[in-house]
Amino acid sequence: MTAILSTSGLSSGYGTTQVLSGIDLEVPEGSITAVLGRNGVGKTTLMKTLAGVLPALGGTTTYRGRDITKDRADARARAGIGLVPQGREIFSRLTVAENLELALDARRDRSPVPWERILGLFPVLGQMRRRQGGNLSGGQQQQLAIARALVGDPSVLMLDEPTEGIQPNIVQDIQDTLRKLRDEGGLTIVLVEQYLDFALEVANHICVMDRGTVVLSGSAADLDPDEIRHHLTV
């Protein structure tokens, strides 16, 4: 598979504190890549750097063969890189519909909210269109956050801990939705996840991080789950 998004020697951090060091990553187009690792190893920093929220301190990021290392977050969003951040970050005082409308700036065709597509993936949002985001359950807020990213019509969807604090039935719904987006829509997905079982169920490729570097990567079908667990528990 051709890599739609890749990094070479990518370094990043916060101010003078370097978190990522020499990250080499290839995200195959039309696949789901799961980024795994213990707390504090740099997974969220990687997502923010790929999205342009954090600047790179070194190395390069390439999207569809173009160097985007110096592109800002808004330019990357319009180019087709969407991010669902950890904690969801929906606007609690805005309605579901208003939250989705805010994402229209990222659309390249300036078309309205694609309600038919959104409701096909998340039917519950149709019933709650006029409800404030803060009045949704955690699982419903996560569905809204994913839907909001999809309104921007991304080619690459990045999700940071989408199952965190979510009830099991919604976790299954999210898993099914991600598969559908990949298999029927051809969407490329990068997923930061704590739970190995979830990652193995949904991902084509696995990338394991430790202390700001990639320590293991490859096809989910080829990697030894016990070896992955070793890196997650040491």
C-alpha atoms as a PDB file:
ATOM      1  CA  MET A   1       0.000   0.000   0.000  1.00  0.00           C
ATOM      2  CA  THR A   2       1.064   3.569  -0.700  1.00  0.00           C
ATOM      3  CA  ALA A   3       1.661   5.777   2.345  1.00  0.00           C
ATOM      4  CA  ILE A   4      -0.706   8.760   2.385  1.00  0.00           C
ATOM      5  CA  LEU A   5       0.919  10.249   5.491  1.00  0.00           C
ATOM      6  CA  SER A   6       4.475   9.703   6.659  1.00  0.00           C
ATOM      7  CA  THR A   7       7.161  11.145   8.887  1.00  0.00           C
ATOM      8  CA  SER A   8      10.930  10.938   8.775  1.00  0.00           C
ATOM      9  CA  GLY A   9      13.035  11.733  11.847  1.00  0.00           C
ATOM     10  CA  LEU A  10      10.162  13.717  13.337  1.00  0.00           C
ATOM     11  CA  SER A  11      10.869  15.454  16.640  1.00  0.00           C
ATOM     12  CA  SER A  12       8.458  17.593  18.635  1.00  0.00           C
ATOM     13  CA  GLY A  13       7.581  18.750  22.105  1.00  0.00           C
ATOM     14  CA  TYR A  14       6.379  21.610  24.268  1.00  0.00           C
ATOM     15  CA  GLY A  15       8.565  24.693  24.464  1.00  0.00           C
ATOM     16  CA  THR A  16      12.073  23.535  25.317  1.00  0.00           C
ATOM     17  CA  THR A  17      10.869  20.062  26.383  1.00  0.00           C
ATOM     18  CA  GLN A  18      11.371  17.525  23.615  1.00  0.00           C
ATOM     19  CA  VAL A  19       8.912  14.624  23.699  1.00  0.00           C
ATOM     20  CA  LEU A  20       9.273  12.962  20.282  1.00  0.00           C
ATOM     21  CA  SER A  21      12.652  11.958  18.927  1.00  0.00           C
ATOM     22  CA  GLY A  22      13.292  10.647  15.411  1.00  0.00           C
ATOM     23  CA  ILE A  23       9.815   9.264  14.660  1.00  0.00           C
ATOM     24  CA  ASP A  24       9.642   7.340  11.379  1.00  0.00           C
ATOM     25  CA  LEU A  25       6.040   6.477  10.539  1.00  0.00           C
ATOM     26  CA  GLU A  26       4.199   5.383   7.405  1.00  0.00           C
ATOM     27  CA  VAL A  27       0.400   5.381   7.283  1.00  0.00           C
ATOM     28  CA  PRO A  28      -0.868   3.270   4.347  1.00  0.00           C
ATOM     29  CA  GLU A  29      -3.777   4.763   2.438  1.00  0.00           C
ATOM     30  CA  GLY A  30      -7.176   3.181   3.076  1.00  0.00           C
ATOM     31  CA  SER A  31      -6.041   1.427   6.255  1.00  0.00           C
ATOM     32  CA  ILE A  32      -6.383   1.747  10.020  1.00  0.00           C
ATOM     33  CA  THR A  33      -3.103   2.293  11.856  1.00  0.00           C
ATOM     34  CA  ALA A  34      -3.170   1.956  15.658  1.00  0.00           C
ATOM     35  CA  VAL A  35      -0.575   3.818  17.719  1.00  0.00           C
ATOM     36  CA  LEU A  36      -0.080   2.079  21.067  1.00  0.00           C
ATOM     37  CA  GLY A  37       1.987   2.769  24.146  1.00  0.00           C
ATOM     38  CA  ARG A  38       1.860   3.384  27.857  1.00  0.00           C
ATOM     39  CA  ASN A  39       0.771   6.746  29.284  1.00  0.00           C
ATOM     40  CA  GLY A  40       3.273   9.525  28.717  1.00  0.00           C
ATOM     41  CA  VAL A  41       5.230   7.996  25.835  1.00  0.00           C
ATOM     42  CA  GLY A  42       4.269  10.703  23.327  1.00  0.00           C
ATOM     43  CA  LYS A  43       1.192   9.380  21.518  1.00  0.00           C
ATOM     44  CA  THR A  44      -0.875  12.545  21.940  1.00  0.00           C
ATOM     45  CA  THR A  45       2.127  14.685  21.075  1.00  0.00           C
ATOM     46  CA  LEU A  46       2.475  12.717  17.843  1.00  0.00           C
ATOM     47  CA  MET A  47      -1.188  13.290  16.940  1.00  0.00           C
ATOM     48  CA  LYS A  48      -0.931  17.014  17.640  1.00  0.00           C
ATOM     49  CA  THR A  49       2.233  17.299  15.582  1.00  0.00           C
ATOM     50  CA  LEU A  50       0.739  15.412  12.637  1.00  0.00           C
ATOM     51  CA  ALA A  51      -2.288  17.722  12.788  1.00  0.00           C
ATOM     52  CA  GLY A  52      -0.103  20.843  12.944  1.00  0.00           C
ATOM     53  CA  VAL A  53      -1.294  21.827  16.415  1.00  0.00           C
ATOM     54  CA  LEU A  54       2.310  21.500  17.615  1.00  0.00           C
ATOM     55  CA  PRO A  55       5.253  22.558  15.428  1.00  0.00           C
ATOM     56  CA  ALA A  56       7.950  20.056  14.548  1.00  0.00           C
ATOM     57  CA  LEU A  57      11.353  20.603  16.131  1.00  0.00           C
ATOM     58  CA  GLY A  58      13.030  18.462  13.481  1.00  0.00           C
ATOM     59  CA  GLY A  59      12.417  15.975  10.703  1.00  0.00           C
ATOM     60  CA  THR A  60       9.665  16.072   8.082  1.00  0.00           C
ATOM     61  CA  THR A  61       5.994  15.230   7.646  1.00  0.00           C
ATOM     62  CA  THR A  62       4.707  14.327   4.187  1.00  0.00           C
ATOM     63  CA  TYR A  63       1.071  14.131   3.060  1.00  0.00           C
ATOM     64  CA  ARG A  64       0.209  12.771  -0.388  1.00  0.00           C
ATOM     65  CA  GLY A  65       3.840  13.205  -1.377  1.00  0.00           C
ATOM     66  CA  ARG A  66       3.998  16.880  -0.319  1.00  0.00           C
ATOM     67  CA  ASP A  67       6.115  18.223   2.539  1.00  0.00           C
ATOM     68  CA  ILE A  68       3.690  19.763   5.042  1.00  0.00           C
ATOM     69  CA  THR A  69       6.143  20.094   7.934  1.00  0.00           C
ATOM     70  CA  LYS A  70       5.654  23.864   8.179  1.00  0.00           C
ATOM     71  CA  ASP A  71       1.922  23.931   7.353  1.00  0.00           C
ATOM     72  CA  ARG A  72      -0.382  25.211  10.074  1.00  0.00           C
ATOM     73  CA  ALA A  73      -3.258  23.200  11.534  1.00  0.00           C
ATOM     74  CA  ASP A  74      -5.935  25.002   9.497  1.00  0.00           C
ATOM     75  CA  ALA A  75      -4.081  24.346   6.241  1.00  0.00           C
ATOM     76  CA  ARG A  76      -3.713  20.661   7.103  1.00  0.00           C
ATOM     77  CA  ALA A  77      -7.417  20.414   7.957  1.00  0.00           C
ATOM     78  CA  ARG A  78      -8.394  21.932   4.615  1.00  0.00           C
ATOM     79  CA  ALA A  79      -5.960  19.588   2.858  1.00  0.00           C
ATOM     80  CA  GLY A  80      -7.770  16.602   4.361  1.00  0.00           C
ATOM     81  CA  ILE A  81      -6.248  15.774   7.768  1.00  0.00           C
ATOM     82  CA  GLY A  82      -8.893  15.621  10.505  1.00  0.00           C
ATOM     83  CA  LEU A  83      -8.281  15.225  14.241  1.00  0.00           C
ATOM     84  CA  VAL A  84     -10.592  14.014  17.001  1.00  0.00           C
ATOM     85  CA  PRO A  85      -8.621  15.134  20.069  1.00  0.00           C
ATOM     86  CA  GLN A  86      -8.356  13.390  23.399  1.00  0.00           C
ATOM     87  CA  GLY A  87     -11.184  14.580  25.636  1.00  0.00           C
ATOM     88  CA  ARG A  88     -13.354  15.254  22.562  1.00  0.00           C
ATOM     89  CA  GLU A  89     -13.331  19.076  23.009  1.00  0.00           C
ATOM     90  CA  ILE A  90     -16.865  19.608  21.790  1.00  0.00           C
ATOM     91  CA  PHE A  91     -18.559  22.942  22.555  1.00  0.00           C
ATOM     92  CA  SER A  92     -20.824  22.145  25.494  1.00  0.00           C
ATOM     93  CA  ARG A  93     -23.101  25.188  25.154  1.00  0.00           C
ATOM     94  CA  LEU A  94     -23.665  24.732  21.426  1.00  0.00           C
ATOM     95  CA  THR A  95     -26.202  22.309  20.015  1.00  0.00           C
ATOM     96  CA  VAL A  96     -25.240  19.178  18.143  1.00  0.00           C
ATOM     97  CA  ALA A  97     -26.105  20.909  14.860  1.00  0.00           C
ATOM     98  CA  GLU A  98     -24.043  23.993  15.762  1.00  0.00           C
ATOM     99  CA  ASN A  99     -21.040  21.843  16.708  1.00  0.00           C
ATOM    100  CA  LEU A 100     -21.185  20.192  13.284  1.00  0.00           C
ATOM    101  CA  GLU A 101     -21.646  23.480  11.430  1.00  0.00           C
ATOM    102  CA  LEU A 102     -18.440  24.840  12.964  1.00  0.00           C
ATOM    103  CA  ALA A 103     -16.490  22.199  11.045  1.00  0.00           C
ATOM    104  CA  LEU A 104     -17.689  23.406   7.650  1.00  0.00           C
ATOM    105  CA  ASP A 105     -14.700  25.750   7.289  1.00  0.00           C
ATOM    106  CA  ALA A 106     -12.509  22.684   6.779  1.00  0.00           C
ATOM    107  CA  ARG A 107     -14.555  21.535   3.761  1.00  0.00           C
ATOM    108  CA  ARG A 108     -12.973  22.244   0.437  1.00  0.00           C
ATOM    109  CA  ASP A 109     -16.314  22.422  -1.410  1.00  0.00           C
ATOM    110  CA  ARG A 110     -18.094  24.648   1.167  1.00  0.00           C
ATOM    111  CA  SER A 111     -21.154  22.406   1.041  1.00  0.00           C
ATOM    112  CA  PRO A 112     -23.566  22.132   4.003  1.00  0.00           C
ATOM    113  CA  VAL A 113     -23.402  19.551   6.787  1.00  0.00           C
ATOM    114  CA  PRO A 114     -23.790  16.100   5.147  1.00  0.00           C
ATOM    115  CA  TRP A 115     -26.611  15.051   7.464  1.00  0.00           C
ATOM    116  CA  GLU A 116     -27.516  11.933   5.510  1.00  0.00           C
ATOM    117  CA  ARG A 117     -24.005  10.545   5.898  1.00  0.00           C
ATOM    118  CA  ILE A 118     -23.705  11.603   9.547  1.00  0.00           C
ATOM    119  CA  LEU A 119     -27.053  10.059  10.519  1.00  0.00           C
ATOM    120  CA  GLY A 120     -26.207   6.891   8.630  1.00  0.00           C
ATOM    121  CA  LEU A 121     -23.188   6.509  10.920  1.00  0.00           C
ATOM    122  CA  PHE A 122     -24.594   8.005  14.132  1.00  0.00           C
ATOM    123  CA  PRO A 123     -28.423   7.855  14.131  1.00  0.00           C
ATOM    124  CA  VAL A 124     -28.632   9.110  17.732  1.00  0.00           C
ATOM    125  CA  LEU A 125     -27.327  12.534  16.675  1.00  0.00           C
ATOM    126  CA  GLY A 126     -30.429  13.103  14.576  1.00  0.00           C
ATOM    127  CA  GLN A 127     -32.638  12.737  17.635  1.00  0.00           C
ATOM    128  CA  MET A 128     -30.415  15.180  19.539  1.00  0.00           C
ATOM    129  CA  ARG A 129     -29.815  17.733  16.804  1.00  0.00           C
ATOM    130  CA  ARG A 130     -31.049  20.623  18.978  1.00  0.00           C
ATOM    131  CA  ARG A 131     -29.609  19.371  22.276  1.00  0.00           C
ATOM    132  CA  GLN A 132     -26.573  21.116  23.762  1.00  0.00           C
ATOM    133  CA  GLY A 133     -23.355  19.147  23.553  1.00  0.00           C
ATOM    134  CA  GLY A 134     -22.855  19.341  27.301  1.00  0.00           C
ATOM    135  CA  ASN A 135     -26.099  17.432  27.851  1.00  0.00           C
ATOM    136  CA  LEU A 136     -24.946  14.384  25.894  1.00  0.00           C
ATOM    137  CA  SER A 137     -23.463  11.283  27.507  1.00  0.00           C
ATOM    138  CA  GLY A 138     -19.745  10.637  27.154  1.00  0.00           C
ATOM    139  CA  GLY A 139     -20.340   8.114  24.381  1.00  0.00           C
ATOM    140  CA  GLN A 140     -22.668  10.469  22.524  1.00  0.00           C
ATOM    141  CA  GLN A 141     -20.123  13.270  22.829  1.00  0.00           C
ATOM    142  CA  GLN A 142     -17.487  10.985  21.314  1.00  0.00           C
ATOM    143  CA  GLN A 143     -19.810  10.191  18.428  1.00  0.00           C
ATOM    144  CA  LEU A 144     -20.393  13.933  17.955  1.00  0.00           C
ATOM    145  CA  ALA A 145     -16.645  14.591  17.978  1.00  0.00           C
ATOM    146  CA  ILE A 146     -16.076  11.968  15.274  1.00  0.00           C
ATOM    147  CA  ALA A 147     -19.017  13.286  13.250  1.00  0.00           C
ATOM    148  CA  ARG A 148     -17.655  16.832  13.514  1.00  0.00           C
ATOM    149  CA  ALA A 149     -14.307  15.705  12.114  1.00  0.00           C
ATOM    150  CA  LEU A 150     -16.082  13.885   9.269  1.00  0.00           C
ATOM    151  CA  VAL A 151     -17.972  17.059   8.313  1.00  0.00           C
ATOM    152  CA  GLY A 152     -14.618  18.401   7.114  1.00  0.00           C
ATOM    153  CA  ASP A 153     -14.470  15.535   4.588  1.00  0.00           C
ATOM    154  CA  PRO A 154     -10.987  14.328   5.601  1.00  0.00           C
ATOM    155  CA  SER A 155      -8.881  11.812   3.727  1.00  0.00           C
ATOM    156  CA  VAL A 156      -7.056  10.966   6.963  1.00  0.00           C
ATOM    157  CA  LEU A 157      -8.980  10.799  10.249  1.00  0.00           C
ATOM    158  CA  MET A 158      -6.900  10.782  13.433  1.00  0.00           C
ATOM    159  CA  LEU A 159      -8.510   9.803  16.742  1.00  0.00           C
ATOM    160  CA  ASP A 160      -6.810  10.205  20.112  1.00  0.00           C
ATOM    161  CA  GLU A 161      -8.149   7.683  22.670  1.00  0.00           C
ATOM    162  CA  PRO A 162     -11.688   7.389  21.202  1.00  0.00           C
ATOM    163  CA  THR A 163     -12.705   4.637  23.654  1.00  0.00           C
ATOM    164  CA  GLU A 164     -11.526   6.408  26.810  1.00  0.00           C
ATOM    165  CA  GLY A 165     -14.299   6.469  29.423  1.00  0.00           C
ATOM    166  CA  ILE A 166     -16.893   5.130  26.972  1.00  0.00           C
ATOM    167  CA  GLN A 167     -19.496   2.506  27.837  1.00  0.00           C
ATOM    168  CA  PRO A 168     -18.918  -0.912  26.179  1.00  0.00           C
ATOM    169  CA  ASN A 169     -21.882  -0.782  23.790  1.00  0.00           C
ATOM    170  CA  ILE A 170     -20.709   2.569  22.376  1.00  0.00           C
ATOM    171  CA  VAL A 171     -17.162   1.199  22.078  1.00  0.00           C
ATOM    172  CA  GLN A 172     -18.548  -1.538  19.855  1.00  0.00           C
ATOM    173  CA  ASP A 173     -20.485   1.046  17.835  1.00  0.00           C
ATOM    174  CA  ILE A 174     -17.318   3.105  17.340  1.00  0.00           C
ATOM    175  CA  GLN A 175     -15.400   0.009  16.287  1.00  0.00           C
ATOM    176  CA  ASP A 176     -18.077  -0.865  13.726  1.00  0.00           C
ATOM    177  CA  THR A 177     -18.141   2.734  12.441  1.00  0.00           C
ATOM    178  CA  LEU A 178     -14.375   2.849  11.950  1.00  0.00           C
ATOM    179  CA  ARG A 179     -14.458  -0.394   9.989  1.00  0.00           C
ATOM    180  CA  LYS A 180     -17.293   0.958   7.849  1.00  0.00           C
ATOM    181  CA  LEU A 181     -15.430   4.198   7.136  1.00  0.00           C
ATOM    182  CA  ARG A 182     -12.385   2.220   6.043  1.00  0.00           C
ATOM    183  CA  ASP A 183     -14.065  -0.601   4.137  1.00  0.00           C
ATOM    184  CA  GLU A 184     -16.883   1.314   2.456  1.00  0.00           C
ATOM    185  CA  GLY A 185     -15.518   4.837   2.326  1.00  0.00           C
ATOM    186  CA  GLY A 186     -11.814   4.152   1.825  1.00  0.00           C
ATOM    187  CA  LEU A 187     -10.939   6.476   4.707  1.00  0.00           C
ATOM    188  CA  THR A 188      -7.448   6.308   6.206  1.00  0.00           C
ATOM    189  CA  ILE A 189      -7.554   6.237  10.006  1.00  0.00           C
ATOM    190  CA  VAL A 190      -4.837   6.766  12.609  1.00  0.00           C
ATOM    191  CA  LEU A 191      -5.952   5.645  16.040  1.00  0.00           C
ATOM    192  CA  VAL A 192      -4.268   6.218  19.398  1.00  0.00           C
ATOM    193  CA  GLU A 193      -5.463   3.514  21.747  1.00  0.00           C
ATOM    194  CA  GLN A 194      -4.725   2.112  25.197  1.00  0.00           C
ATOM    195  CA  TYR A 195      -6.525  -1.188  24.728  1.00  0.00           C
ATOM    196  CA  LEU A 196      -4.656  -3.773  22.696  1.00  0.00           C
ATOM    197  CA  ASP A 197      -7.699  -5.964  22.091  1.00  0.00           C
ATOM    198  CA  PHE A 198      -9.583  -3.075  20.497  1.00  0.00           C
ATOM    199  CA  ALA A 199      -6.579  -2.205  18.331  1.00  0.00           C
ATOM    200  CA  LEU A 200      -6.111  -5.791  17.164  1.00  0.00           C
ATOM    201  CA  GLU A 201      -9.812  -6.047  16.299  1.00  0.00           C
ATOM    202  CA  VAL A 202      -9.880  -2.976  14.072  1.00  0.00           C
ATOM    203  CA  ALA A 203      -6.358  -2.106  12.881  1.00  0.00           C
ATOM    204  CA  ASN A 204      -4.419  -3.240   9.814  1.00  0.00           C
ATOM    205  CA  HIS A 205      -1.145  -1.880  11.145  1.00  0.00           C
ATOM    206  CA  ILE A 206       0.324  -1.397  14.614  1.00  0.00           C
ATOM    207  CA  CYS A 207       2.866   1.161  15.791  1.00  0.00           C
ATOM    208  CA  VAL A 208       4.135   0.891  19.385  1.00  0.00           C
ATOM    209  CA  MET A 209       5.814   3.875  21.063  1.00  0.00           C
ATOM    210  CA  ASP A 210       8.035   4.152  24.106  1.00  0.00           C
ATOM    211  CA  ARG A 211       9.776   7.249  25.441  1.00  0.00           C
ATOM    212  CA  GLY A 212       9.079   9.330  22.361  1.00  0.00           C
ATOM    213  CA  THR A 213      10.252   6.813  19.781  1.00  0.00           C
ATOM    214  CA  VAL A 214       8.778   3.969  17.737  1.00  0.00           C
ATOM    215  CA  VAL A 215       9.962   0.641  19.155  1.00  0.00           C
ATOM    216  CA  LEU A 216       7.792  -1.762  17.139  1.00  0.00           C
ATOM    217  CA  SER A 217       5.732  -1.508  13.967  1.00  0.00           C
ATOM    218  CA  GLY A 218       4.248  -3.734  11.315  1.00  0.00           C
ATOM    219  CA  SER A 219       1.161  -5.524  10.083  1.00  0.00           C
ATOM    220  CA  ALA A 220      -1.319  -6.352  12.845  1.00  0.00           C
ATOM    221  CA  ALA A 221      -1.590  -9.860  11.422  1.00  0.00           C
ATOM    222  CA  ASP A 222       2.170 -10.432  11.577  1.00  0.00           C
ATOM    223  CA  LEU A 223       3.103  -8.940  14.941  1.00  0.00           C
ATOM    224  CA  ASP A 224       3.160 -11.124  18.064  1.00  0.00           C
ATOM    225  CA  PRO A 225       0.528  -9.840  20.546  1.00  0.00           C
ATOM    226  CA  ASP A 226       2.721 -10.936  23.454  1.00  0.00           C
ATOM    227  CA  GLU A 227       5.588  -8.810  22.154  1.00  0.00           C
ATOM    228  CA  ILE A 228       3.244  -5.841  21.871  1.00  0.00           C
ATOM    229  CA  ARG A 229       1.977  -6.414  25.421  1.00  0.00           C
ATOM    230  CA  HIS A 230       5.558  -6.474  26.673  1.00  0.00           C
ATOM    231  CA  HIS A 231       6.059  -2.913  25.461  1.00  0.00           C
ATOM    232  CA  LEU A 232       2.762  -1.821  26.970  1.00  0.00           C
ATOM    233  CA  THR A 233       3.469  -3.162  30.438  1.00  0.00           C
ATOM    234  CA  VAL A 234       7.194  -2.697  31.074  1.00  0.00           C
END
